[in-house]
Amino acid sequence: MLADIDTWVLDLDNTLYPAGSALAEQLTHGILSTLAQYYATDLAGARRIQSELVAAHGTSLRGAMVTGTIDPQDFLGFERRIDYSVIAPDPAMVAALAALPGRRYVYTNGSAYHAEQVLERLGLTDRIDGVFDILAGELIPKPYAESLDAFLDRFGVDPVRAAMFDDLEVNLALPHERGMTTVWVSAGTPYELLAERRWRTTDLPGFVRANI
């Protein structure tokens, strides 16, 4: 079914580990705390600002860069205070990625540092051939075309021979238009064909086992 795929593109947060995890809570708190300090507001005000920044610019970081003068490294500094031990090794995910033929990349709107910490905790470091983060994309996030083009160019990916997994459907629309097979990892039915070369699953390892 996916025999023509030789490149696997994997989102990180809420895709390689479950949504609603303790790590996700720390990320949210870190972003809101950073925004609260930068914009001199409380957490409620930071949440409103975050919603506005994400809606207009794709991520809080890019929004803060476009509308202000925050240094990206300062913004991402909260990641150094995250307790990554809340993420446990995932043997099922390790086995699933090991079964994927060809190259495997993480494509994330987070930082490479964050990705490296998560991959190490999951036991996936040796299963990934490269990480493309928000800094590699010059702060332009998914789902913008500039980000996708930079990712494809960086690793020489042929979209027609690639499959992309992401928990946000909006991030998969453009890759699908470019010819990629897409898998939306979200709550819902365990295994669903939405359209030609468009899938939805609640279980990434299970999807891989069923299709590889």
C-alpha atoms as a PDB file:
ATOM      1  CA  MET A   1       0.000   0.000   0.000  1.00  0.00           C
ATOM      2  CA  LEU A   2       2.891   2.349   0.813  1.00  0.00           C
ATOM      3  CA  ALA A   3       5.484   0.419  -1.145  1.00  0.00           C
ATOM      4  CA  ASP A   4       6.442   3.476  -3.209  1.00  0.00           C
ATOM      5  CA  ILE A   5       7.446   5.514  -0.125  1.00  0.00           C
ATOM      6  CA  ASP A   6      11.151   5.890   0.651  1.00  0.00           C
ATOM      7  CA  THR A   7      11.091   9.017   2.855  1.00  0.00           C
ATOM      8  CA  TRP A   8       9.137   9.331   6.105  1.00  0.00           C
ATOM      9  CA  VAL A   9       8.473  12.790   7.544  1.00  0.00           C
ATOM     10  CA  LEU A  10       7.427  12.854  11.189  1.00  0.00           C
ATOM     11  CA  ASP A  11       6.120  15.678  13.306  1.00  0.00           C
ATOM     12  CA  LEU A  12       7.334  15.577  16.905  1.00  0.00           C
ATOM     13  CA  ASP A  13       4.986  16.997  19.546  1.00  0.00           C
ATOM     14  CA  ASN A  14       1.659  15.166  19.924  1.00  0.00           C
ATOM     15  CA  THR A  15       2.693  12.809  17.114  1.00  0.00           C
ATOM     16  CA  LEU A  16       5.656  10.774  18.335  1.00  0.00           C
ATOM     17  CA  TYR A  17       4.309  11.039  21.880  1.00  0.00           C
ATOM     18  CA  PRO A  18       0.652  11.381  22.961  1.00  0.00           C
ATOM     19  CA  ALA A  19      -1.232  14.659  23.062  1.00  0.00           C
ATOM     20  CA  GLY A  20      -2.106  15.792  26.559  1.00  0.00           C
ATOM     21  CA  SER A  21       1.114  14.461  28.068  1.00  0.00           C
ATOM     22  CA  ALA A  22       2.917  16.100  30.972  1.00  0.00           C
ATOM     23  CA  LEU A  23       5.514  17.328  28.481  1.00  0.00           C
ATOM     24  CA  ALA A  24       2.864  19.144  26.463  1.00  0.00           C
ATOM     25  CA  GLU A  25       1.708  20.862  29.646  1.00  0.00           C
ATOM     26  CA  GLN A  26       5.258  22.056  30.343  1.00  0.00           C
ATOM     27  CA  LEU A  27       5.632  23.377  26.806  1.00  0.00           C
ATOM     28  CA  THR A  28       2.416  25.341  27.063  1.00  0.00           C
ATOM     29  CA  HIS A  29       3.376  26.775  30.443  1.00  0.00           C
ATOM     30  CA  GLY A  30       6.861  27.681  29.191  1.00  0.00           C
ATOM     31  CA  ILE A  31       5.543  29.532  26.157  1.00  0.00           C
ATOM     32  CA  LEU A  32       2.900  31.392  28.146  1.00  0.00           C
ATOM     33  CA  SER A  33       5.379  32.348  30.871  1.00  0.00           C
ATOM     34  CA  THR A  34       7.812  33.665  28.267  1.00  0.00           C
ATOM     35  CA  LEU A  35       5.106  35.687  26.543  1.00  0.00           C
ATOM     36  CA  ALA A  36       3.850  37.028  29.885  1.00  0.00           C
ATOM     37  CA  GLN A  37       7.336  38.269  30.760  1.00  0.00           C
ATOM     38  CA  TYR A  38       8.021  39.715  27.315  1.00  0.00           C
ATOM     39  CA  TYR A  39       4.681  41.517  26.988  1.00  0.00           C
ATOM     40  CA  ALA A  40       4.492  42.428  30.697  1.00  0.00           C
ATOM     41  CA  THR A  41       1.167  40.718  31.310  1.00  0.00           C
ATOM     42  CA  ASP A  42      -0.292  37.851  33.310  1.00  0.00           C
ATOM     43  CA  LEU A  43      -0.897  34.299  32.084  1.00  0.00           C
ATOM     44  CA  ALA A  44      -4.442  35.100  30.953  1.00  0.00           C
ATOM     45  CA  GLY A  45      -3.143  37.984  28.889  1.00  0.00           C
ATOM     46  CA  ALA A  46      -0.336  35.809  27.552  1.00  0.00           C
ATOM     47  CA  ARG A  47      -2.854  33.184  26.436  1.00  0.00           C
ATOM     48  CA  ARG A  48      -4.805  35.820  24.500  1.00  0.00           C
ATOM     49  CA  ILE A  49      -1.607  37.156  22.921  1.00  0.00           C
ATOM     50  CA  GLN A  50      -0.503  33.636  22.018  1.00  0.00           C
ATOM     51  CA  SER A  51      -3.790  32.962  20.222  1.00  0.00           C
ATOM     52  CA  GLU A  52      -3.420  36.169  18.238  1.00  0.00           C
ATOM     53  CA  LEU A  53       0.221  35.469  17.342  1.00  0.00           C
ATOM     54  CA  VAL A  54      -0.445  31.892  16.243  1.00  0.00           C
ATOM     55  CA  ALA A  55      -3.472  32.916  14.168  1.00  0.00           C
ATOM     56  CA  ALA A  56      -1.532  35.648  12.388  1.00  0.00           C
ATOM     57  CA  HIS A  57       1.955  34.139  12.116  1.00  0.00           C
ATOM     58  CA  GLY A  58       1.773  30.373  12.659  1.00  0.00           C
ATOM     59  CA  THR A  59       3.745  30.186  15.916  1.00  0.00           C
ATOM     60  CA  SER A  60       4.188  32.311  19.012  1.00  0.00           C
ATOM     61  CA  LEU A  61       7.903  32.696  18.290  1.00  0.00           C
ATOM     62  CA  ARG A  62       7.477  33.953  14.747  1.00  0.00           C
ATOM     63  CA  GLY A  63       4.726  36.292  15.878  1.00  0.00           C
ATOM     64  CA  ALA A  64       6.915  37.733  18.627  1.00  0.00           C
ATOM     65  CA  MET A  65       9.750  38.172  16.134  1.00  0.00           C
ATOM     66  CA  VAL A  66       7.562  39.912  13.544  1.00  0.00           C
ATOM     67  CA  THR A  67       5.735  42.176  15.979  1.00  0.00           C
ATOM     68  CA  GLY A  68       8.592  42.765  18.423  1.00  0.00           C
ATOM     69  CA  THR A  69      12.305  42.374  18.982  1.00  0.00           C
ATOM     70  CA  ILE A  70      12.578  39.211  21.060  1.00  0.00           C
ATOM     71  CA  ASP A  71      15.662  37.098  20.405  1.00  0.00           C
ATOM     72  CA  PRO A  72      14.666  33.558  19.316  1.00  0.00           C
ATOM     73  CA  GLN A  73      17.236  31.958  21.627  1.00  0.00           C
ATOM     74  CA  ASP A  74      15.841  33.946  24.551  1.00  0.00           C
ATOM     75  CA  PHE A  75      12.323  32.873  23.630  1.00  0.00           C
ATOM     76  CA  LEU A  76      13.341  29.201  23.461  1.00  0.00           C
ATOM     77  CA  GLY A  77      15.276  29.374  26.714  1.00  0.00           C
ATOM     78  CA  PHE A  78      12.378  27.838  28.647  1.00  0.00           C
ATOM     79  CA  GLU A  79      13.131  24.500  26.955  1.00  0.00           C
ATOM     80  CA  ARG A  80      16.306  24.206  29.035  1.00  0.00           C
ATOM     81  CA  ARG A  81      14.146  24.125  32.161  1.00  0.00           C
ATOM     82  CA  ILE A  82      11.795  21.377  30.984  1.00  0.00           C
ATOM     83  CA  ASP A  83      11.803  18.060  32.809  1.00  0.00           C
ATOM     84  CA  TYR A  84      12.071  15.616  29.908  1.00  0.00           C
ATOM     85  CA  SER A  85      12.035  12.626  32.253  1.00  0.00           C
ATOM     86  CA  VAL A  86       8.226  12.711  32.034  1.00  0.00           C
ATOM     87  CA  ILE A  87       8.647  11.029  28.619  1.00  0.00           C
ATOM     88  CA  ALA A  88       9.148   7.263  28.824  1.00  0.00           C
ATOM     89  CA  PRO A  89      10.776   4.981  26.250  1.00  0.00           C
ATOM     90  CA  ASP A  90       8.297   3.750  23.627  1.00  0.00           C
ATOM     91  CA  PRO A  91       9.321   0.305  22.312  1.00  0.00           C
ATOM     92  CA  ALA A  92       6.295   0.146  19.994  1.00  0.00           C
ATOM     93  CA  MET A  93       7.263   3.430  18.334  1.00  0.00           C
ATOM     94  CA  VAL A  94      10.904   2.319  18.106  1.00  0.00           C
ATOM     95  CA  ALA A  95       9.861  -0.895  16.347  1.00  0.00           C
ATOM     96  CA  ALA A  96       7.498   0.995  14.030  1.00  0.00           C
ATOM     97  CA  LEU A  97      10.137   3.461  12.886  1.00  0.00           C
ATOM     98  CA  ALA A  98      12.712   0.698  12.514  1.00  0.00           C
ATOM     99  CA  ALA A  99      10.329  -1.020  10.088  1.00  0.00           C
ATOM    100  CA  LEU A 100      10.076   2.024   7.821  1.00  0.00           C
ATOM    101  CA  PRO A 101      12.242   1.520   4.721  1.00  0.00           C
ATOM    102  CA  GLY A 102      14.350   4.456   3.591  1.00  0.00           C
ATOM    103  CA  ARG A 103      15.022   7.752   5.336  1.00  0.00           C
ATOM    104  CA  ARG A 104      13.222   9.134   8.396  1.00  0.00           C
ATOM    105  CA  TYR A 105      13.143  12.813   9.314  1.00  0.00           C
ATOM    106  CA  VAL A 106      11.596  14.869  12.089  1.00  0.00           C
ATOM    107  CA  TYR A 107      10.008  18.077  10.772  1.00  0.00           C
ATOM    108  CA  THR A 108       8.969  20.261  13.700  1.00  0.00           C
ATOM    109  CA  ASN A 109       7.962  23.814  14.552  1.00  0.00           C
ATOM    110  CA  GLY A 110       9.943  23.353  17.752  1.00  0.00           C
ATOM    111  CA  SER A 111      13.701  23.556  18.190  1.00  0.00           C
ATOM    112  CA  ALA A 112      16.326  20.925  17.414  1.00  0.00           C
ATOM    113  CA  TYR A 113      17.322  20.917  21.097  1.00  0.00           C
ATOM    114  CA  HIS A 114      13.767  20.039  22.111  1.00  0.00           C
ATOM    115  CA  ALA A 115      13.543  17.362  19.411  1.00  0.00           C
ATOM    116  CA  GLU A 116      16.831  15.796  20.499  1.00  0.00           C
ATOM    117  CA  GLN A 117      15.710  15.565  24.120  1.00  0.00           C
ATOM    118  CA  VAL A 118      12.388  13.969  23.210  1.00  0.00           C
ATOM    119  CA  LEU A 119      13.894  11.520  20.726  1.00  0.00           C
ATOM    120  CA  GLU A 120      16.467  10.418  23.289  1.00  0.00           C
ATOM    121  CA  ARG A 121      13.808   9.801  25.939  1.00  0.00           C
ATOM    122  CA  LEU A 122      11.626   7.841  23.493  1.00  0.00           C
ATOM    123  CA  GLY A 123      14.596   5.752  22.364  1.00  0.00           C
ATOM    124  CA  LEU A 124      14.350   7.034  18.801  1.00  0.00           C
ATOM    125  CA  THR A 125      17.620   8.909  18.350  1.00  0.00           C
ATOM    126  CA  ASP A 126      19.166   6.180  16.203  1.00  0.00           C
ATOM    127  CA  ARG A 127      16.003   5.835  14.103  1.00  0.00           C
ATOM    128  CA  ILE A 128      16.025   9.403  12.776  1.00  0.00           C
ATOM    129  CA  ASP A 129      18.255  10.567   9.907  1.00  0.00           C
ATOM    130  CA  GLY A 130      17.812  14.281  10.464  1.00  0.00           C
ATOM    131  CA  VAL A 131      15.828  17.017  12.217  1.00  0.00           C
ATOM    132  CA  PHE A 132      14.441  20.124  10.540  1.00  0.00           C
ATOM    133  CA  ASP A 133      13.418  22.657  13.183  1.00  0.00           C
ATOM    134  CA  ILE A 134      11.985  26.173  13.313  1.00  0.00           C
ATOM    135  CA  LEU A 135      15.469  27.721  13.195  1.00  0.00           C
ATOM    136  CA  ALA A 136      16.422  25.718  10.092  1.00  0.00           C
ATOM    137  CA  GLY A 137      13.272  27.123   8.521  1.00  0.00           C
ATOM    138  CA  GLU A 138      14.433  30.668   9.383  1.00  0.00           C
ATOM    139  CA  LEU A 139      11.538  30.951  11.866  1.00  0.00           C
ATOM    140  CA  ILE A 140       8.908  30.294   9.175  1.00  0.00           C
ATOM    141  CA  PRO A 141       6.775  27.407  10.489  1.00  0.00           C
ATOM    142  CA  LYS A 142       4.553  24.762   9.034  1.00  0.00           C
ATOM    143  CA  PRO A 143       2.134  25.084   7.244  1.00  0.00           C
ATOM    144  CA  TYR A 144       3.768  27.848   5.155  1.00  0.00           C
ATOM    145  CA  ALA A 145       5.175  26.965   1.743  1.00  0.00           C
ATOM    146  CA  GLU A 146       8.556  28.551   2.515  1.00  0.00           C
ATOM    147  CA  SER A 147       9.020  26.122   5.402  1.00  0.00           C
ATOM    148  CA  LEU A 148       8.031  23.061   3.381  1.00  0.00           C
ATOM    149  CA  ASP A 149      10.223  24.061   0.442  1.00  0.00           C
ATOM    150  CA  ALA A 150      13.205  24.594   2.746  1.00  0.00           C
ATOM    151  CA  PHE A 151      12.658  21.158   4.295  1.00  0.00           C
ATOM    152  CA  LEU A 152      12.377  19.421   0.915  1.00  0.00           C
ATOM    153  CA  ASP A 153      15.484  21.199  -0.367  1.00  0.00           C
ATOM    154  CA  ARG A 154      17.549  20.519   2.764  1.00  0.00           C
ATOM    155  CA  PHE A 155      17.115  16.753   2.527  1.00  0.00           C
ATOM    156  CA  GLY A 156      16.476  16.317  -1.199  1.00  0.00           C
ATOM    157  CA  VAL A 157      13.013  14.869  -0.654  1.00  0.00           C
ATOM    158  CA  ASP A 158      10.821  13.878  -3.614  1.00  0.00           C
ATOM    159  CA  PRO A 159       7.276  14.601  -2.357  1.00  0.00           C
ATOM    160  CA  VAL A 160       5.738  11.862  -4.489  1.00  0.00           C
ATOM    161  CA  ARG A 161       7.878   9.277  -2.681  1.00  0.00           C
ATOM    162  CA  ALA A 162       7.356  10.715   0.803  1.00  0.00           C
ATOM    163  CA  ALA A 163       4.792  10.248   3.578  1.00  0.00           C
ATOM    164  CA  MET A 164       4.195  12.827   6.300  1.00  0.00           C
ATOM    165  CA  PHE A 165       2.681  12.255   9.756  1.00  0.00           C
ATOM    166  CA  ASP A 166       1.336  15.202  11.770  1.00  0.00           C
ATOM    167  CA  ASP A 167      -1.242  15.802  14.501  1.00  0.00           C
ATOM    168  CA  LEU A 168      -2.468  19.010  12.837  1.00  0.00           C
ATOM    169  CA  GLU A 169      -4.493  18.539   9.667  1.00  0.00           C
ATOM    170  CA  VAL A 170      -3.643  22.064   8.486  1.00  0.00           C
ATOM    171  CA  ASN A 171       0.039  21.092   8.327  1.00  0.00           C
ATOM    172  CA  LEU A 172      -0.756  18.269   5.910  1.00  0.00           C
ATOM    173  CA  ALA A 173      -2.770  20.155   3.293  1.00  0.00           C
ATOM    174  CA  LEU A 174       0.144  21.633   1.336  1.00  0.00           C
ATOM    175  CA  PRO A 175       2.311  18.483   1.488  1.00  0.00           C
ATOM    176  CA  HIS A 176      -0.629  16.521   0.048  1.00  0.00           C
ATOM    177  CA  GLU A 177      -1.033  19.089  -2.729  1.00  0.00           C
ATOM    178  CA  ARG A 178       2.659  18.590  -3.538  1.00  0.00           C
ATOM    179  CA  GLY A 179       2.093  14.848  -3.935  1.00  0.00           C
ATOM    180  CA  MET A 180       2.963  13.507  -0.491  1.00  0.00           C
ATOM    181  CA  THR A 181       1.021  10.748   1.207  1.00  0.00           C
ATOM    182  CA  THR A 182      -0.263  12.197   4.483  1.00  0.00           C
ATOM    183  CA  VAL A 183      -1.286  10.609   7.769  1.00  0.00           C
ATOM    184  CA  TRP A 184      -3.218  12.732  10.252  1.00  0.00           C
ATOM    185  CA  VAL A 185      -2.470  11.445  13.769  1.00  0.00           C
ATOM    186  CA  SER A 186      -5.477  12.429  15.861  1.00  0.00           C
ATOM    187  CA  ALA A 187      -8.322  11.217  18.020  1.00  0.00           C
ATOM    188  CA  GLY A 188     -11.043   9.386  16.136  1.00  0.00           C
ATOM    189  CA  THR A 189     -11.244   6.095  14.337  1.00  0.00           C
ATOM    190  CA  PRO A 190      -8.150   3.891  14.654  1.00  0.00           C
ATOM    191  CA  TYR A 191      -7.670   3.631  10.899  1.00  0.00           C
ATOM    192  CA  GLU A 192      -9.423   5.667   8.200  1.00  0.00           C
ATOM    193  CA  LEU A 193      -8.829   6.474   4.530  1.00  0.00           C
ATOM    194  CA  LEU A 194      -9.952  10.085   4.027  1.00  0.00           C
ATOM    195  CA  ALA A 195      -9.096  10.378   0.332  1.00  0.00           C
ATOM    196  CA  GLU A 196      -6.504   9.085  -2.084  1.00  0.00           C
ATOM    197  CA  ARG A 197      -3.143   9.049  -0.243  1.00  0.00           C
ATOM    198  CA  ARG A 198      -4.742  10.734   2.799  1.00  0.00           C
ATOM    199  CA  TRP A 199      -5.096   8.756   6.010  1.00  0.00           C
ATOM    200  CA  ARG A 200      -6.149   9.320   9.597  1.00  0.00           C
ATOM    201  CA  THR A 201      -5.084   7.198  12.545  1.00  0.00           C
ATOM    202  CA  THR A 202      -5.077   7.295  16.335  1.00  0.00           C
ATOM    203  CA  ASP A 203      -2.222   4.783  16.475  1.00  0.00           C
ATOM    204  CA  LEU A 204       0.929   5.613  14.523  1.00  0.00           C
ATOM    205  CA  PRO A 205       2.758   2.343  15.308  1.00  0.00           C
ATOM    206  CA  GLY A 206      -0.388   0.377  14.482  1.00  0.00           C
ATOM    207  CA  PHE A 207      -0.751   2.198  11.180  1.00  0.00           C
ATOM    208  CA  VAL A 208       2.833   1.363  10.269  1.00  0.00           C
ATOM    209  CA  ARG A 209       2.373  -2.313  11.187  1.00  0.00           C
ATOM    210  CA  ALA A 210      -0.728  -2.511   8.995  1.00  0.00           C
ATOM    211  CA  ASN A 211       0.785  -0.826   5.949  1.00  0.00           C
ATOM    212  CA  ILE A 212       4.481  -1.700   5.759  1.00  0.00           C
END
